[in-house]
Amino acid sequence: MTIEFAVGDRFVEAAEEWGDSRLMDEDDAIETKAEQALLEIEHLTSGATDVSFEVEGRTVRHEASDELAALLSEQADETDLSESELLRLHVDLFSGAFRDDDAVRPPNAPPE
């Protein structure tokens, strides 16, 4: 099942911020962040370690696994939202994931 959605401003801002620290242009940053988010979502739902997708501007097309498609269908029935809107919301949740400052150990952490 191919699911198409447009990423939101929150996602684009997070991708730009993430990409700026890596000297990436906006398109590459959006593509990389989309891949990271889709991979995390697919891994959580199906155990996948690879995703099939393409990005054109702010539009993402993802070839969802059977497990993700079933989950989104179930959620669509429960919420009256479309599968594409639900996937967009899930991807948006991961917009701030994989940031460098997430790896910083808190000062009260035990020694490694």
PDB file of N, CA and C in Angstrom:
ATOM      1  N   MET A   1       0.843  -1.175   0.000  1.00  0.00           N
ATOM      2  CA  MET A   1       0.000   0.000   0.000  1.00  0.00           C
ATOM      3  C   MET A   1       0.888   1.238   0.000  1.00  0.00           C
ATOM      4  N   THR A   2       0.740   2.092  -0.997  1.00  0.00           N
ATOM      5  CA  THR A   2       1.490   3.345  -1.052  1.00  0.00           C
ATOM      6  C   THR A   2       0.674   4.433  -0.373  1.00  0.00           C
ATOM      7  N   ILE A   3       1.290   5.107   0.574  1.00  0.00           N
ATOM      8  CA  ILE A   3       0.632   6.181   1.306  1.00  0.00           C
ATOM      9  C   ILE A   3       1.377   7.467   1.012  1.00  0.00           C
ATOM     10  N   GLU A   4       0.643   8.494   0.607  1.00  0.00           N
ATOM     11  CA  GLU A   4       1.225   9.794   0.270  1.00  0.00           C
ATOM     12  C   GLU A   4       0.713  10.840   1.243  1.00  0.00           C
ATOM     13  N   PHE A   5       1.618  11.685   1.712  1.00  0.00           N
ATOM     14  CA  PHE A   5       1.228  12.774   2.616  1.00  0.00           C
ATOM     15  C   PHE A   5       2.229  13.907   2.492  1.00  0.00           C
ATOM     16  N   ALA A   6       1.819  15.082   2.920  1.00  0.00           N
ATOM     17  CA  ALA A   6       2.706  16.250   2.942  1.00  0.00           C
ATOM     18  C   ALA A   6       3.148  16.476   4.383  1.00  0.00           C
ATOM     19  N   VAL A   7       4.457  16.616   4.576  1.00  0.00           N
ATOM     20  CA  VAL A   7       4.962  16.878   5.921  1.00  0.00           C
ATOM     21  C   VAL A   7       4.574  18.298   6.319  1.00  0.00           C
ATOM     22  N   GLY A   8       4.405  18.495   7.631  1.00  0.00           N
ATOM     23  CA  GLY A   8       3.994  19.783   8.143  1.00  0.00           C
ATOM     24  C   GLY A   8       5.163  20.704   8.445  1.00  0.00           C
ATOM     25  N   ASP A   9       4.826  21.923   8.844  1.00  0.00           N
ATOM     26  CA  ASP A   9       5.846  22.930   9.153  1.00  0.00           C
ATOM     27  C   ASP A   9       6.748  22.484  10.296  1.00  0.00           C
ATOM     28  N   ARG A  10       6.178  21.846  11.311  1.00  0.00           N
ATOM     29  CA  ARG A  10       6.983  21.372  12.451  1.00  0.00           C
ATOM     30  C   ARG A  10       8.065  20.411  11.978  1.00  0.00           C
ATOM     31  N   PHE A  11       7.691  19.495  11.104  1.00  0.00           N
ATOM     32  CA  PHE A  11       8.645  18.533  10.584  1.00  0.00           C
ATOM     33  C   PHE A  11       9.733  19.243   9.776  1.00  0.00           C
ATOM     34  N   VAL A  12       9.336  20.156   8.902  1.00  0.00           N
ATOM     35  CA  VAL A  12      10.300  20.876   8.062  1.00  0.00           C
ATOM     36  C   VAL A  12      11.257  21.697   8.919  1.00  0.00           C
ATOM     37  N   GLU A  13      10.744  22.372   9.927  1.00  0.00           N
ATOM     38  CA  GLU A  13      11.610  23.154  10.816  1.00  0.00           C
ATOM     39  C   GLU A  13      12.617  22.260  11.540  1.00  0.00           C
ATOM     40  N   ALA A  14      12.166  21.124  12.025  1.00  0.00           N
ATOM     41  CA  ALA A  14      13.065  20.195  12.712  1.00  0.00           C
ATOM     42  C   ALA A  14      14.114  19.648  11.741  1.00  0.00           C
ATOM     43  N   ALA A  15      13.694  19.337  10.524  1.00  0.00           N
ATOM     44  CA  ALA A  15      14.635  18.824   9.518  1.00  0.00           C
ATOM     45  C   ALA A  15      15.663  19.892   9.157  1.00  0.00           C
ATOM     46  N   GLU A  16      15.219  21.130   8.996  1.00  0.00           N
ATOM     47  CA  GLU A  16      16.149  22.217   8.677  1.00  0.00           C
ATOM     48  C   GLU A  16      17.160  22.420   9.794  1.00  0.00           C
ATOM     49  N   GLU A  17      16.679  22.426  11.032  1.00  0.00           N
ATOM     50  CA  GLU A  17      17.580  22.589  12.176  1.00  0.00           C
ATOM     51  C   GLU A  17      18.588  21.445  12.232  1.00  0.00           C
ATOM     52  N   TRP A  18      18.114  20.246  12.066  1.00  0.00           N
ATOM     53  CA  TRP A  18      18.964  19.062  12.071  1.00  0.00           C
ATOM     54  C   TRP A  18      19.965  19.128  10.923  1.00  0.00           C
ATOM     55  N   GLY A  19      19.486  19.507   9.736  1.00  0.00           N
ATOM     56  CA  GLY A  19      20.342  19.583   8.554  1.00  0.00           C
ATOM     57  C   GLY A  19      21.368  20.700   8.633  1.00  0.00           C
ATOM     58  N   ASP A  20      21.001  21.832   9.240  1.00  0.00           N
ATOM     59  CA  ASP A  20      21.939  22.951   9.378  1.00  0.00           C
ATOM     60  C   ASP A  20      23.182  22.530  10.148  1.00  0.00           C
ATOM     61  N   SER A  21      22.994  21.735  11.184  1.00  0.00           N
ATOM     62  CA  SER A  21      24.142  21.312  11.985  1.00  0.00           C
ATOM     63  C   SER A  21      25.025  20.321  11.231  1.00  0.00           C
ATOM     64  N   ARG A  22      24.518  19.802  10.115  1.00  0.00           N
ATOM     65  CA  ARG A  22      25.278  18.845   9.308  1.00  0.00           C
ATOM     66  C   ARG A  22      25.627  19.408   7.934  1.00  0.00           C
ATOM     67  N   LEU A  23      25.376  20.708   7.769  1.00  0.00           N
ATOM     68  CA  LEU A  23      25.653  21.405   6.511  1.00  0.00           C
ATOM     69  C   LEU A  23      24.945  20.753   5.328  1.00  0.00           C
ATOM     70  N   MET A  24      23.693  20.330   5.555  1.00  0.00           N
ATOM     71  CA  MET A  24      22.877  19.714   4.503  1.00  0.00           C
ATOM     72  C   MET A  24      21.896  20.743   3.972  1.00  0.00           C
ATOM     73  N   ASP A  25      21.544  20.629   2.691  1.00  0.00           N
ATOM     74  CA  ASP A  25      20.499  21.512   2.184  1.00  0.00           C
ATOM     75  C   ASP A  25      19.142  20.994   2.653  1.00  0.00           C
ATOM     76  N   GLU A  26      18.133  21.825   2.523  1.00  0.00           N
ATOM     77  CA  GLU A  26      16.802  21.507   3.064  1.00  0.00           C
ATOM     78  C   GLU A  26      16.233  20.221   2.492  1.00  0.00           C
ATOM     79  N   ASP A  27      16.354  20.016   1.178  1.00  0.00           N
ATOM     80  CA  ASP A  27      15.792  18.819   0.557  1.00  0.00           C
ATOM     81  C   ASP A  27      16.423  17.538   1.103  1.00  0.00           C
ATOM     82  N   ASP A  28      17.743  17.539   1.236  1.00  0.00           N
ATOM     83  CA  ASP A  28      18.430  16.356   1.772  1.00  0.00           C
ATOM     84  C   ASP A  28      18.054  16.113   3.230  1.00  0.00           C
ATOM     85  N   ALA A  29      17.931  17.189   3.995  1.00  0.00           N
ATOM     86  CA  ALA A  29      17.567  17.060   5.409  1.00  0.00           C
ATOM     87  C   ALA A  29      16.149  16.499   5.549  1.00  0.00           C
ATOM     88  N   ILE A  30      15.219  16.992   4.742  1.00  0.00           N
ATOM     89  CA  ILE A  30      13.841  16.492   4.799  1.00  0.00           C
ATOM     90  C   ILE A  30      13.811  15.018   4.420  1.00  0.00           C
ATOM     91  N   GLU A  31      14.547  14.645   3.387  1.00  0.00           N
ATOM     92  CA  GLU A  31      14.567  13.242   2.966  1.00  0.00           C
ATOM     93  C   GLU A  31      15.158  12.342   4.057  1.00  0.00           C
ATOM     94  N   THR A  32      16.245  12.778   4.667  1.00  0.00           N
ATOM     95  CA  THR A  32      16.884  11.974   5.706  1.00  0.00           C
ATOM     96  C   THR A  32      15.986  11.848   6.928  1.00  0.00           C
ATOM     97  N   LYS A  33      15.368  12.954   7.358  1.00  0.00           N
ATOM     98  CA  LYS A  33      14.481  12.902   8.523  1.00  0.00           C
ATOM     99  C   LYS A  33      13.239  12.064   8.224  1.00  0.00           C
ATOM    100  N   ALA A  34      12.728  12.136   7.000  1.00  0.00           N
ATOM    101  CA  ALA A  34      11.580  11.303   6.628  1.00  0.00           C
ATOM    102  C   ALA A  34      11.965   9.831   6.707  1.00  0.00           C
ATOM    103  N   GLU A  35      13.152   9.501   6.207  1.00  0.00           N
ATOM    104  CA  GLU A  35      13.605   8.117   6.272  1.00  0.00           C
ATOM    105  C   GLU A  35      13.742   7.656   7.721  1.00  0.00           C
ATOM    106  N   GLN A  36      14.329   8.494   8.567  1.00  0.00           N
ATOM    107  CA  GLN A  36      14.488   8.132   9.975  1.00  0.00           C
ATOM    108  C   GLN A  36      13.139   7.884  10.635  1.00  0.00           C
ATOM    109  N   ALA A  37      12.186   8.782  10.404  1.00  0.00           N
ATOM    110  CA  ALA A  37      10.867   8.650  11.022  1.00  0.00           C
ATOM    111  C   ALA A  37      10.139   7.414  10.505  1.00  0.00           C
ATOM    112  N   LEU A  38      10.140   7.226   9.187  1.00  0.00           N
ATOM    113  CA  LEU A  38       9.452   6.067   8.613  1.00  0.00           C
ATOM    114  C   LEU A  38      10.091   4.766   9.066  1.00  0.00           C
ATOM    115  N   LEU A  39      11.402   4.755   9.151  1.00  0.00           N
ATOM    116  CA  LEU A  39      12.087   3.551   9.610  1.00  0.00           C
ATOM    117  C   LEU A  39      11.719   3.225  11.057  1.00  0.00           C
ATOM    118  N   GLU A  40      11.660   4.238  11.896  1.00  0.00           N
ATOM    119  CA  GLU A  40      11.285   4.014  13.295  1.00  0.00           C
ATOM    120  C   GLU A  40       9.849   3.496  13.391  1.00  0.00           C
ATOM    121  N   ILE A  41       8.949   4.094  12.643  1.00  0.00           N
ATOM    122  CA  ILE A  41       7.539   3.679  12.660  1.00  0.00           C
ATOM    123  C   ILE A  41       7.394   2.249  12.144  1.00  0.00           C
ATOM    124  N   GLU A  42       8.051   1.965  11.024  1.00  0.00           N
ATOM    125  CA  GLU A  42       7.978   0.613  10.460  1.00  0.00           C
ATOM    126  C   GLU A  42       8.621  -0.414  11.395  1.00  0.00           C
ATOM    127  N   HIS A  43       9.725  -0.041  12.008  1.00  0.00           N
ATOM    128  CA  HIS A  43      10.385  -0.980  12.918  1.00  0.00           C
ATOM    129  C   HIS A  43       9.485  -1.302  14.110  1.00  0.00           C
ATOM    130  N   LEU A  44       8.808  -0.290  14.624  1.00  0.00           N
ATOM    131  CA  LEU A  44       7.913  -0.499  15.771  1.00  0.00           C
ATOM    132  C   LEU A  44       6.703  -1.357  15.403  1.00  0.00           C
ATOM    133  N   THR A  45       6.219  -1.223  14.168  1.00  0.00           N
ATOM    134  CA  THR A  45       5.009  -1.955  13.791  1.00  0.00           C
ATOM    135  C   THR A  45       5.292  -3.312  13.149  1.00  0.00           C
ATOM    136  N   SER A  46       6.393  -3.412  12.397  1.00  0.00           N
ATOM    137  CA  SER A  46       6.629  -4.644  11.642  1.00  0.00           C
ATOM    138  C   SER A  46       8.006  -5.257  11.858  1.00  0.00           C
ATOM    139  N   GLY A  47       8.873  -4.546  12.572  1.00  0.00           N
ATOM    140  CA  GLY A  47      10.229  -5.039  12.762  1.00  0.00           C
ATOM    141  C   GLY A  47      11.138  -4.755  11.574  1.00  0.00           C
ATOM    142  N   ALA A  48      10.663  -3.981  10.608  1.00  0.00           N
ATOM    143  CA  ALA A  48      11.434  -3.687   9.396  1.00  0.00           C
ATOM    144  C   ALA A  48      12.717  -2.925   9.719  1.00  0.00           C
ATOM    145  N   THR A  49      13.737  -3.188   8.930  1.00  0.00           N
ATOM    146  CA  THR A  49      15.001  -2.465   9.073  1.00  0.00           C
ATOM    147  C   THR A  49      15.334  -1.691   7.805  1.00  0.00           C
ATOM    148  N   ASP A  50      14.366  -1.611   6.886  1.00  0.00           N
ATOM    149  CA  ASP A  50      14.540  -0.871   5.644  1.00  0.00           C
ATOM    150  C   ASP A  50      13.165  -0.354   5.230  1.00  0.00           C
ATOM    151  N   VAL A  51      13.139   0.811   4.600  1.00  0.00           N
ATOM    152  CA  VAL A  51      11.875   1.381   4.143  1.00  0.00           C
ATOM    153  C   VAL A  51      11.989   1.801   2.687  1.00  0.00           C
ATOM    154  N   SER A  52      10.866   1.761   1.995  1.00  0.00           N
ATOM    155  CA  SER A  52      10.790   2.196   0.611  1.00  0.00           C
ATOM    156  C   SER A  52       9.936   3.462   0.569  1.00  0.00           C
ATOM    157  N   PHE A  53      10.553   4.557   0.125  1.00  0.00           N
ATOM    158  CA  PHE A  53       9.846   5.836   0.107  1.00  0.00           C
ATOM    159  C   PHE A  53      10.505   6.761  -0.908  1.00  0.00           C
ATOM    160  N   GLU A  54       9.825   7.840  -1.229  1.00  0.00           N
ATOM    161  CA  GLU A  54      10.409   8.908  -2.032  1.00  0.00           C
ATOM    162  C   GLU A  54       9.860  10.233  -1.536  1.00  0.00           C
ATOM    163  N   VAL A  55      10.655  11.254  -1.696  1.00  0.00           N
ATOM    164  CA  VAL A  55      10.281  12.593  -1.256  1.00  0.00           C
ATOM    165  C   VAL A  55      10.402  13.535  -2.441  1.00  0.00           C
ATOM    166  N   GLU A  56       9.358  14.317  -2.644  1.00  0.00           N
ATOM    167  CA  GLU A  56       9.364  15.341  -3.679  1.00  0.00           C
ATOM    168  C   GLU A  56       8.855  16.626  -3.039  1.00  0.00           C
ATOM    169  N   GLY A  57       9.781  17.544  -2.756  1.00  0.00           N
ATOM    170  CA  GLY A  57       9.406  18.753  -2.030  1.00  0.00           C
ATOM    171  C   GLY A  57       9.004  18.386  -0.615  1.00  0.00           C
ATOM    172  N   ARG A  58       7.752  18.669  -0.270  1.00  0.00           N
ATOM    173  CA  ARG A  58       7.228  18.308   1.048  1.00  0.00           C
ATOM    174  C   ARG A  58       6.342  17.070   1.002  1.00  0.00           C
ATOM    175  N   THR A  59       6.231  16.448  -0.154  1.00  0.00           N
ATOM    176  CA  THR A  59       5.383  15.268  -0.308  1.00  0.00           C
ATOM    177  C   THR A  59       6.213  13.998  -0.160  1.00  0.00           C
ATOM    178  N   VAL A  60       5.716  13.119   0.701  1.00  0.00           N
ATOM    179  CA  VAL A  60       6.377  11.835   0.945  1.00  0.00           C
ATOM    180  C   VAL A  60       5.448  10.730   0.469  1.00  0.00           C
ATOM    181  N   ARG A  61       6.006   9.768  -0.275  1.00  0.00           N
ATOM    182  CA  ARG A  61       5.268   8.582  -0.680  1.00  0.00           C
ATOM    183  C   ARG A  61       5.987   7.386  -0.069  1.00  0.00           C
ATOM    184  N   HIS A  62       5.252   6.623   0.715  1.00  0.00           N
ATOM    185  CA  HIS A  62       5.847   5.496   1.429  1.00  0.00           C
ATOM    186  C   HIS A  62       5.122   4.208   1.082  1.00  0.00           C
ATOM    187  N   GLU A  63       5.890   3.177   0.779  1.00  0.00           N
ATOM    188  CA  GLU A  63       5.332   1.848   0.532  1.00  0.00           C
ATOM    189  C   GLU A  63       5.241   1.154   1.892  1.00  0.00           C
ATOM    190  N   ALA A  64       4.071   1.233   2.500  1.00  0.00           N
ATOM    191  CA  ALA A  64       3.874   0.721   3.858  1.00  0.00           C
ATOM    192  C   ALA A  64       3.867  -0.799   3.889  1.00  0.00           C
ATOM    193  N   SER A  65       4.423  -1.341   4.962  1.00  0.00           N
ATOM    194  CA  SER A  65       4.355  -2.783   5.176  1.00  0.00           C
ATOM    195  C   SER A  65       2.900  -3.167   5.433  1.00  0.00           C
ATOM    196  N   ASP A  66       2.610  -4.460   5.318  1.00  0.00           N
ATOM    197  CA  ASP A  66       1.254  -4.940   5.589  1.00  0.00           C
ATOM    198  C   ASP A  66       0.851  -4.613   7.031  1.00  0.00           C
ATOM    199  N   GLU A  67       1.803  -4.752   7.954  1.00  0.00           N
ATOM    200  CA  GLU A  67       1.504  -4.492   9.370  1.00  0.00           C
ATOM    201  C   GLU A  67       1.178  -3.020   9.604  1.00  0.00           C
ATOM    202  N   LEU A  68       1.952  -2.119   8.994  1.00  0.00           N
ATOM    203  CA  LEU A  68       1.670  -0.688   9.164  1.00  0.00           C
ATOM    204  C   LEU A  68       0.355  -0.327   8.487  1.00  0.00           C
ATOM    205  N   ALA A  69       0.123  -0.869   7.307  1.00  0.00           N
ATOM    206  CA  ALA A  69      -1.140  -0.593   6.612  1.00  0.00           C
ATOM    207  C   ALA A  69      -2.328  -1.040   7.456  1.00  0.00           C
ATOM    208  N   ALA A  70      -2.230  -2.208   8.094  1.00  0.00           N
ATOM    209  CA  ALA A  70      -3.315  -2.703   8.945  1.00  0.00           C
ATOM    210  C   ALA A  70      -3.510  -1.796  10.162  1.00  0.00           C
ATOM    211  N   LEU A  71      -2.412  -1.367  10.777  1.00  0.00           N
ATOM    212  CA  LEU A  71      -2.503  -0.470  11.936  1.00  0.00           C
ATOM    213  C   LEU A  71      -3.157   0.848  11.547  1.00  0.00           C
ATOM    214  N   LEU A  72      -2.720   1.428  10.443  1.00  0.00           N
ATOM    215  CA  LEU A  72      -3.293   2.707  10.007  1.00  0.00           C
ATOM    216  C   LEU A  72      -4.765   2.555   9.637  1.00  0.00           C
ATOM    217  N   SER A  73      -5.133   1.431   9.034  1.00  0.00           N
ATOM    218  CA  SER A  73      -6.534   1.182   8.695  1.00  0.00           C
ATOM    219  C   SER A  73      -7.387   1.097   9.958  1.00  0.00           C
ATOM    220  N   GLU A  74      -6.870   0.387  10.943  1.00  0.00           N
ATOM    221  CA  GLU A  74      -7.581   0.266  12.224  1.00  0.00           C
ATOM    222  C   GLU A  74      -7.732   1.635  12.890  1.00  0.00           C
ATOM    223  N   GLN A  75      -6.657   2.413  12.890  1.00  0.00           N
ATOM    224  CA  GLN A  75      -6.715   3.742  13.493  1.00  0.00           C
ATOM    225  C   GLN A  75      -7.648   4.663  12.716  1.00  0.00           C
ATOM    226  N   ALA A  76      -7.676   4.516  11.396  1.00  0.00           N
ATOM    227  CA  ALA A  76      -8.571   5.330  10.572  1.00  0.00           C
ATOM    228  C   ALA A  76     -10.030   5.038  10.914  1.00  0.00           C
ATOM    229  N   ASP A  77     -10.351   3.769  11.123  1.00  0.00           N
ATOM    230  CA  ASP A  77     -11.709   3.392  11.500  1.00  0.00           C
ATOM    231  C   ASP A  77     -12.096   3.981  12.851  1.00  0.00           C
ATOM    232  N   GLU A  78     -11.124   4.048  13.758  1.00  0.00           N
ATOM    233  CA  GLU A  78     -11.391   4.553  15.110  1.00  0.00           C
ATOM    234  C   GLU A  78     -11.473   6.073  15.181  1.00  0.00           C
ATOM    235  N   THR A  79     -10.772   6.764  14.276  1.00  0.00           N
ATOM    236  CA  THR A  79     -10.642   8.215  14.407  1.00  0.00           C
ATOM    237  C   THR A  79     -11.321   9.022  13.316  1.00  0.00           C
ATOM    238  N   ASP A  80     -11.746   8.380  12.253  1.00  0.00           N
ATOM    239  CA  ASP A  80     -12.297   9.054  11.079  1.00  0.00           C
ATOM    240  C   ASP A  80     -11.273   9.934  10.365  1.00  0.00           C
ATOM    241  N   LEU A  81      -9.980   9.667  10.597  1.00  0.00           N
ATOM    242  CA  LEU A  81      -8.916  10.301   9.837  1.00  0.00           C
ATOM    243  C   LEU A  81      -8.460   9.326   8.761  1.00  0.00           C
ATOM    244  N   SER A  82      -7.876   9.843   7.686  1.00  0.00           N
ATOM    245  CA  SER A  82      -7.379   8.967   6.626  1.00  0.00           C
ATOM    246  C   SER A  82      -6.045   8.348   7.035  1.00  0.00           C
ATOM    247  N   GLU A  83      -5.696   7.257   6.371  1.00  0.00           N
ATOM    248  CA  GLU A  83      -4.410   6.611   6.629  1.00  0.00           C
ATOM    249  C   GLU A  83      -3.252   7.567   6.375  1.00  0.00           C
ATOM    250  N   SER A  84      -3.370   8.377   5.323  1.00  0.00           N
ATOM    251  CA  SER A  84      -2.285   9.314   5.011  1.00  0.00           C
ATOM    252  C   SER A  84      -2.145  10.387   6.088  1.00  0.00           C
ATOM    253  N   GLU A  85      -3.264  10.878   6.602  1.00  0.00           N
ATOM    254  CA  GLU A  85      -3.205  11.879   7.674  1.00  0.00           C
ATOM    255  C   GLU A  85      -2.620  11.263   8.946  1.00  0.00           C
ATOM    256  N   LEU A  86      -2.985  10.046   9.233  1.00  0.00           N
ATOM    257  CA  LEU A  86      -2.441   9.372  10.421  1.00  0.00           C
ATOM    258  C   LEU A  86      -0.937   9.148  10.302  1.00  0.00           C
ATOM    259  N   LEU A  87      -0.492   8.718   9.117  1.00  0.00           N
ATOM    260  CA  LEU A  87       0.944   8.521   8.946  1.00  0.00           C
ATOM    261  C   LEU A  87       1.677   9.852   9.046  1.00  0.00           C
ATOM    262  N   ARG A  88       1.092  10.916   8.498  1.00  0.00           N
ATOM    263  CA  ARG A  88       1.696  12.238   8.618  1.00  0.00           C
ATOM    264  C   ARG A  88       1.840  12.630  10.083  1.00  0.00           C
ATOM    265  N   LEU A  89       0.831  12.353  10.881  1.00  0.00           N
ATOM    266  CA  LEU A  89       0.893  12.663  12.310  1.00  0.00           C
ATOM    267  C   LEU A  89       1.959  11.831  13.020  1.00  0.00           C
ATOM    268  N   HIS A  90       2.054  10.562  12.674  1.00  0.00           N
ATOM    269  CA  HIS A  90       3.082   9.702  13.272  1.00  0.00           C
ATOM    270  C   HIS A  90       4.486  10.206  12.901  1.00  0.00           C
ATOM    271  N   VAL A  91       4.667  10.541  11.625  1.00  0.00           N
ATOM    272  CA  VAL A  91       5.966  11.051  11.172  1.00  0.00           C
ATOM    273  C   VAL A  91       6.284  12.359  11.880  1.00  0.00           C
ATOM    274  N   ASP A  92       5.288  13.208  12.037  1.00  0.00           N
ATOM    275  CA  ASP A  92       5.493  14.488  12.715  1.00  0.00           C
ATOM    276  C   ASP A  92       5.959  14.283  14.163  1.00  0.00           C
ATOM    277  N   LEU A  93       5.453  13.237  14.812  1.00  0.00           N
ATOM    278  CA  LEU A  93       5.884  12.951  16.185  1.00  0.00           C
ATOM    279  C   LEU A  93       7.381  12.690  16.269  1.00  0.00           C
ATOM    280  N   PHE A  94       7.943  12.137  15.205  1.00  0.00           N
ATOM    281  CA  PHE A  94       9.370  11.820  15.188  1.00  0.00           C
ATOM    282  C   PHE A  94      10.213  12.961  14.627  1.00  0.00           C
ATOM    283  N   SER A  95       9.619  14.124  14.401  1.00  0.00           N
ATOM    284  CA  SER A  95      10.357  15.223  13.778  1.00  0.00           C
ATOM    285  C   SER A  95      11.550  15.683  14.606  1.00  0.00           C
ATOM    286  N   GLY A  96      11.467  15.570  15.919  1.00  0.00           N
ATOM    287  CA  GLY A  96      12.574  15.999  16.770  1.00  0.00           C
ATOM    288  C   GLY A  96      13.471  14.865  17.208  1.00  0.00           C
ATOM    289  N   ALA A  97      13.221  13.669  16.707  1.00  0.00           N
ATOM    290  CA  ALA A  97      14.042  12.518  17.105  1.00  0.00           C
ATOM    291  C   ALA A  97      15.411  12.569  16.445  1.00  0.00           C
ATOM    292  N   PHE A  98      16.351  11.853  17.022  1.00  0.00           N
ATOM    293  CA  PHE A  98      17.692  11.710  16.477  1.00  0.00           C
ATOM    294  C   PHE A  98      18.467  13.022  16.489  1.00  0.00           C
ATOM    295  N   ARG A  99      18.238  13.833  17.508  1.00  0.00           N
ATOM    296  CA  ARG A  99      18.983  15.083  17.645  1.00  0.00           C
ATOM    297  C   ARG A  99      20.271  14.813  18.402  1.00  0.00           C
ATOM    298  N   ASP A 100      21.294  15.594  18.092  1.00  0.00           N
ATOM    299  CA  ASP A 100      22.587  15.428  18.749  1.00  0.00           C
ATOM    300  C   ASP A 100      22.494  15.670  20.247  1.00  0.00           C
ATOM    301  N   ASP A 101      21.694  16.645  20.663  1.00  0.00           N
ATOM    302  CA  ASP A 101      21.635  16.944  22.090  1.00  0.00           C
ATOM    303  C   ASP A 101      20.933  15.848  22.890  1.00  0.00           C
ATOM    304  N   ASP A 102      20.254  14.932  22.188  1.00  0.00           N
ATOM    305  CA  ASP A 102      19.655  13.791  22.874  1.00  0.00           C
ATOM    306  C   ASP A 102      20.724  12.844  23.410  1.00  0.00           C
ATOM    307  N   ALA A 103      21.897  12.883  22.792  1.00  0.00           N
ATOM    308  CA  ALA A 103      22.967  11.962  23.164  1.00  0.00           C
ATOM    309  C   ALA A 103      23.801  12.490  24.332  1.00  0.00           C
ATOM    310  N   VAL A 104      23.558  13.725  24.744  1.00  0.00           N
ATOM    311  CA  VAL A 104      24.329  14.300  25.846  1.00  0.00           C
ATOM    312  C   VAL A 104      23.890  13.660  27.162  1.00  0.00           C
ATOM    313  N   ARG A 105      24.870  13.184  27.923  1.00  0.00           N
ATOM    314  CA  ARG A 105      24.560  12.548  29.202  1.00  0.00           C
ATOM    315  C   ARG A 105      24.224  13.614  30.237  1.00  0.00           C
ATOM    316  N   PRO A 106      23.191  13.407  31.026  1.00  0.00           N
ATOM    317  CA  PRO A 106      22.875  14.371  32.079  1.00  0.00           C
ATOM    318  C   PRO A 106      23.997  14.410  33.117  1.00  0.00           C
ATOM    319  N   PRO A 107      24.182  15.539  33.790  1.00  0.00           N
ATOM    320  CA  PRO A 107      25.276  15.658  34.741  1.00  0.00           C
ATOM    321  C   PRO A 107      25.182  14.676  35.917  1.00  0.00           C
ATOM    322  N   ASN A 108      23.995  14.220  36.227  1.00  0.00           N
ATOM    323  CA  ASN A 108      23.857  13.299  37.373  1.00  0.00           C
ATOM    324  C   ASN A 108      23.870  11.824  36.967  1.00  0.00           C
ATOM    325  N   ALA A 109      24.214  11.545  35.688  1.00  0.00           N
ATOM    326  CA  ALA A 109      24.265  10.161  35.221  1.00  0.00           C
ATOM    327  C   ALA A 109      25.487   9.449  35.827  1.00  0.00           C
ATOM    328  N   PRO A 110      25.334   8.151  36.124  1.00  0.00           N
ATOM    329  CA  PRO A 110      26.479   7.399  36.653  1.00  0.00           C
ATOM    330  C   PRO A 110      27.587   7.314  35.597  1.00  0.00           C
ATOM    331  N   PRO A 111      28.833   7.129  36.040  1.00  0.00           N
ATOM    332  CA  PRO A 111      29.931   7.026  35.086  1.00  0.00           C
ATOM    333  C   PRO A 111      29.730   5.841  34.138  1.00  0.00           C
ATOM    334  N   GLU A 112      30.257   5.983  32.929  1.00  0.00           N
ATOM    335  CA  GLU A 112      30.130   4.894  31.945  1.00  0.00           C
ATOM    336  C   GLU A 112      31.078   3.768  32.249  1.00  0.00           C
TER     337      GLU A 112
END
